[in-house]
Amino acid sequence: MLKTQVKVSSIANLSDARYCAGMGVEWLGFPLQEITVEKFTEIRNWLAGVQIVGEFTKATADQVREAVAIYQPDVIEVDSSVSLVAIQSIDVSKILRVNIDTDNLPAIFAASAPYVSHFLLVGDSADSLIGMEASIEIWAAQYPIILGLDIPEDDLDEWVEQSSIQGIGLVAGEEDRPGFRDFTDLMTILEKLETE
């Protein structure tokens, strides 16, 4: 069991999906614009007890609706280019991916909060978190935020145990070859988040 909710994005292979599910990850994200429905279904059939997230990047509302009808994810994640009003009829929870470096976050949080279950906060660089800790805590006290920025390993416990964030966002990696994957990057963080 993990100390906080975790979302792993960009999963494209069964190795990552099974490893994350086995570690107790809450949300497994699949880039639906890049994965075939056959491969998605094959991976999904191996999983239980996790929320399957269909991830979209720069998609139109129609593309999102169409993919949701075909793939049937439990949750969808879109970026700020999609009109949440236009997809509110899609009857699944929605995560809005927002960029700390480029989006007008206070305005987006206020306008989007009625339509989403969570905000996934990402950035353009490994340093996006630096200097933003106080702002993130203020936002997290008001809105359900999953922190998808690079958190220094030494600060992980503090973020999880003392801040108002509702979860951590991680990104899956590439398989070295089918069935073979070095999980060191994910493993380091997930093992640190495991409860004793």
Protein backbone atom coordinates (compact mmCIF):
# COMPACT_ATOMS: atom_id res chain seq x y z
CA MET A 1 0.00 0.00 0.00
CA LEU A 2 1.21 3.51 -0.82
CA LYS A 3 1.20 6.56 1.46
CA THR A 4 -0.60 8.66 -1.14
CA GLN A 5 -2.52 8.22 -4.38
CA VAL A 6 -0.24 7.83 -7.38
CA LYS A 7 -0.91 8.31 -11.08
CA VAL A 8 1.49 6.86 -13.63
CA SER A 9 1.19 8.41 -17.10
CA SER A 10 2.14 7.27 -20.61
CA ILE A 11 1.90 3.53 -20.00
CA ALA A 12 2.32 1.66 -23.26
CA ASN A 13 3.27 -1.87 -22.21
CA LEU A 14 2.09 -4.67 -19.97
CA SER A 15 5.30 -4.70 -17.87
CA ASP A 16 4.71 -1.16 -16.60
CA ALA A 17 0.98 -1.70 -16.13
CA ARG A 18 1.39 -4.89 -14.08
CA TYR A 19 4.26 -3.52 -12.01
CA CYS A 20 2.33 -0.34 -11.14
CA ALA A 21 -0.89 -2.21 -10.39
CA GLY A 22 1.03 -4.60 -8.15
CA MET A 23 2.56 -1.66 -6.24
CA GLY A 24 -0.87 -0.20 -5.50
CA VAL A 25 -0.88 2.69 -7.98
CA GLU A 26 -4.35 4.30 -8.11
CA TRP A 27 -4.44 5.58 -11.71
CA LEU A 28 -2.79 3.97 -14.76
CA GLY A 29 -2.68 6.40 -17.68
CA PHE A 30 -2.63 5.30 -21.31
CA PRO A 31 -2.05 7.73 -24.22
CA LEU A 32 -5.12 6.76 -26.24
CA GLN A 33 -3.96 8.66 -29.33
CA GLU A 34 -0.89 6.42 -29.51
CA ILE A 35 -2.02 2.94 -28.43
CA THR A 36 -4.19 0.63 -30.51
CA VAL A 37 -7.48 -0.50 -29.03
CA GLU A 38 -6.30 -4.12 -29.35
CA LYS A 39 -3.13 -3.51 -27.34
CA PHE A 40 -5.02 -1.38 -24.80
CA THR A 41 -7.66 -4.10 -24.31
CA GLU A 42 -5.01 -6.81 -24.00
CA ILE A 43 -3.19 -4.86 -21.25
CA ARG A 44 -6.41 -3.88 -19.50
CA ASN A 45 -7.58 -7.50 -19.29
CA TRP A 46 -4.56 -8.25 -17.08
CA LEU A 47 -5.41 -5.53 -14.57
CA ALA A 48 -7.79 -5.32 -11.63
CA GLY A 49 -8.39 -2.83 -8.85
CA VAL A 50 -6.96 0.20 -10.66
CA GLN A 51 -8.47 3.22 -12.39
CA ILE A 52 -7.71 3.19 -16.12
CA VAL A 53 -7.09 6.74 -17.39
CA GLY A 54 -7.39 7.66 -21.06
CA GLU A 55 -4.87 10.46 -21.68
CA PHE A 56 -5.31 13.04 -24.43
CA THR A 57 -2.92 15.70 -25.70
CA LYS A 58 -4.17 18.56 -27.87
CA ALA A 59 -7.31 16.62 -28.78
CA THR A 60 -10.64 18.08 -29.86
CA ALA A 61 -13.79 17.42 -27.84
CA ASP A 62 -15.03 15.19 -30.70
CA GLN A 63 -11.81 13.14 -30.68
CA VAL A 64 -12.12 12.67 -26.92
CA ARG A 65 -15.77 11.59 -27.17
CA GLU A 66 -15.00 9.17 -30.00
CA ALA A 67 -12.04 7.55 -28.20
CA VAL A 68 -13.93 7.25 -24.92
CA ALA A 69 -16.74 5.41 -26.72
CA ILE A 70 -14.22 2.93 -28.19
CA TYR A 71 -11.70 2.48 -25.34
CA GLN A 72 -14.08 3.02 -22.39
CA PRO A 73 -11.56 4.24 -19.79
CA ASP A 74 -12.66 4.78 -16.17
CA VAL A 75 -11.26 8.33 -16.14
CA ILE A 76 -10.07 10.76 -18.82
CA GLU A 77 -7.19 13.22 -18.64
CA VAL A 78 -7.08 16.22 -20.96
CA ASP A 79 -4.92 19.32 -21.20
CA SER A 80 -6.11 22.90 -21.09
CA SER A 81 -6.61 22.98 -24.88
CA VAL A 82 -9.85 20.96 -24.52
CA SER A 83 -13.08 22.70 -23.55
CA LEU A 84 -14.31 20.98 -20.40
CA VAL A 85 -17.81 22.30 -21.08
CA ALA A 86 -17.77 20.54 -24.47
CA ILE A 87 -16.93 17.17 -22.88
CA GLN A 88 -18.96 17.42 -19.68
CA SER A 89 -21.54 15.02 -21.12
CA ILE A 90 -18.91 12.24 -21.05
CA ASP A 91 -19.91 10.41 -17.89
CA VAL A 92 -16.52 9.61 -16.35
CA SER A 93 -14.26 11.48 -13.92
CA LYS A 94 -11.93 14.00 -15.53
CA ILE A 95 -8.37 15.00 -14.66
CA LEU A 96 -7.12 18.28 -16.12
CA ARG A 97 -3.39 18.36 -16.86
CA VAL A 98 -2.06 21.88 -16.28
CA ASN A 99 1.43 23.24 -16.91
CA ILE A 100 3.02 25.31 -14.14
CA ASP A 101 5.37 26.95 -16.67
CA THR A 102 2.87 28.01 -19.34
CA ASP A 103 -0.73 27.97 -18.05
CA ASN A 104 -2.45 30.76 -16.11
CA LEU A 105 -3.06 28.46 -13.18
CA PRO A 106 -5.22 30.58 -10.82
CA ALA A 107 -7.65 31.32 -13.67
CA ILE A 108 -7.71 27.72 -14.91
CA PHE A 109 -8.23 26.29 -11.41
CA ALA A 110 -11.15 28.61 -10.72
CA ALA A 111 -12.84 28.06 -14.10
CA SER A 112 -12.25 24.30 -14.32
CA ALA A 113 -12.82 23.10 -10.76
CA PRO A 114 -16.56 22.37 -11.24
CA TYR A 115 -15.80 19.99 -14.13
CA VAL A 116 -12.85 17.91 -12.88
CA SER A 117 -12.06 15.49 -10.07
CA HIS A 118 -8.34 16.41 -10.00
CA PHE A 119 -5.70 18.66 -11.53
CA LEU A 120 -2.40 17.05 -12.59
CA LEU A 121 0.30 19.69 -12.24
CA VAL A 122 3.18 19.19 -14.70
CA GLY A 123 6.04 21.36 -15.95
CA ASP A 124 8.44 21.79 -18.84
CA SER A 125 11.67 21.06 -16.98
CA ALA A 126 13.14 19.16 -14.07
CA ASP A 127 13.44 22.50 -12.23
CA SER A 128 9.78 23.58 -12.58
CA LEU A 129 9.12 22.90 -8.88
CA ILE A 130 11.93 25.13 -7.62
CA GLY A 131 10.64 28.32 -6.04
CA MET A 132 6.99 27.29 -6.55
CA GLU A 133 6.51 25.26 -3.37
CA ALA A 134 4.55 27.95 -1.50
CA SER A 135 2.24 28.65 -4.46
CA ILE A 136 1.57 24.94 -4.96
CA GLU A 137 0.66 24.55 -1.28
CA ILE A 138 -1.80 27.47 -1.53
CA TRP A 139 -3.43 25.93 -4.64
CA ALA A 140 -3.45 22.43 -3.14
CA ALA A 141 -5.29 23.73 -0.07
CA GLN A 142 -8.10 24.89 -2.39
CA TYR A 143 -8.08 22.37 -5.24
CA PRO A 144 -7.46 18.59 -5.61
CA ILE A 145 -3.92 18.56 -7.00
CA ILE A 146 -1.79 15.61 -8.11
CA LEU A 147 1.82 16.80 -8.19
CA GLY A 148 3.45 15.60 -11.41
CA LEU A 149 6.66 17.64 -11.12
CA ASP A 150 10.13 16.28 -10.39
CA ILE A 151 10.25 16.09 -6.60
CA PRO A 152 13.73 15.68 -5.09
CA GLU A 153 13.79 12.26 -3.46
CA ASP A 154 14.72 13.76 -0.08
CA ASP A 155 11.61 15.98 -0.15
CA LEU A 156 9.14 13.25 -1.13
CA ASP A 157 7.99 12.35 2.39
CA GLU A 158 7.52 15.98 3.29
CA TRP A 159 5.32 16.61 0.24
CA VAL A 160 3.24 13.51 0.91
CA GLU A 161 2.88 13.86 4.66
CA GLN A 162 2.86 17.61 5.26
CA SER A 163 1.43 19.27 2.15
CA SER A 164 -2.17 19.41 0.93
CA ILE A 165 -1.51 17.64 -2.39
CA GLN A 166 -3.76 14.64 -3.06
CA GLY A 167 -1.27 12.53 -4.94
CA ILE A 168 1.93 12.17 -6.94
CA GLY A 169 2.17 11.91 -10.74
CA LEU A 170 4.89 9.78 -12.34
CA VAL A 171 5.69 8.88 -15.95
CA ALA A 172 6.25 5.35 -17.23
CA GLY A 173 9.30 4.43 -19.28
CA GLU A 174 10.12 2.45 -22.38
CA GLU A 175 10.54 -1.31 -22.48
CA ASP A 176 14.10 -2.36 -23.37
CA ARG A 177 12.47 -5.15 -25.39
CA PRO A 178 9.05 -6.80 -25.02
CA GLY A 179 8.70 -8.04 -21.46
CA PHE A 180 12.00 -6.51 -20.29
CA ARG A 181 12.09 -3.19 -18.51
CA ASP A 182 14.38 -1.51 -16.01
CA PHE A 183 12.04 -0.20 -13.30
CA THR A 184 14.73 1.58 -11.28
CA ASP A 185 13.28 5.07 -11.81
CA LEU A 186 9.69 4.16 -10.91
CA MET A 187 10.75 1.65 -8.28
CA THR A 188 12.82 4.17 -6.32
CA ILE A 189 9.86 6.47 -5.84
CA LEU A 190 7.14 3.83 -5.39
CA GLU A 191 9.20 1.94 -2.81
CA LYS A 192 9.80 5.18 -0.92
CA LEU A 193 6.02 5.73 -0.90
CA GLU A 194 5.23 2.25 0.42
CA THR A 195 3.79 2.14 3.93
CA GLU A 196 5.84 0.15 6.43
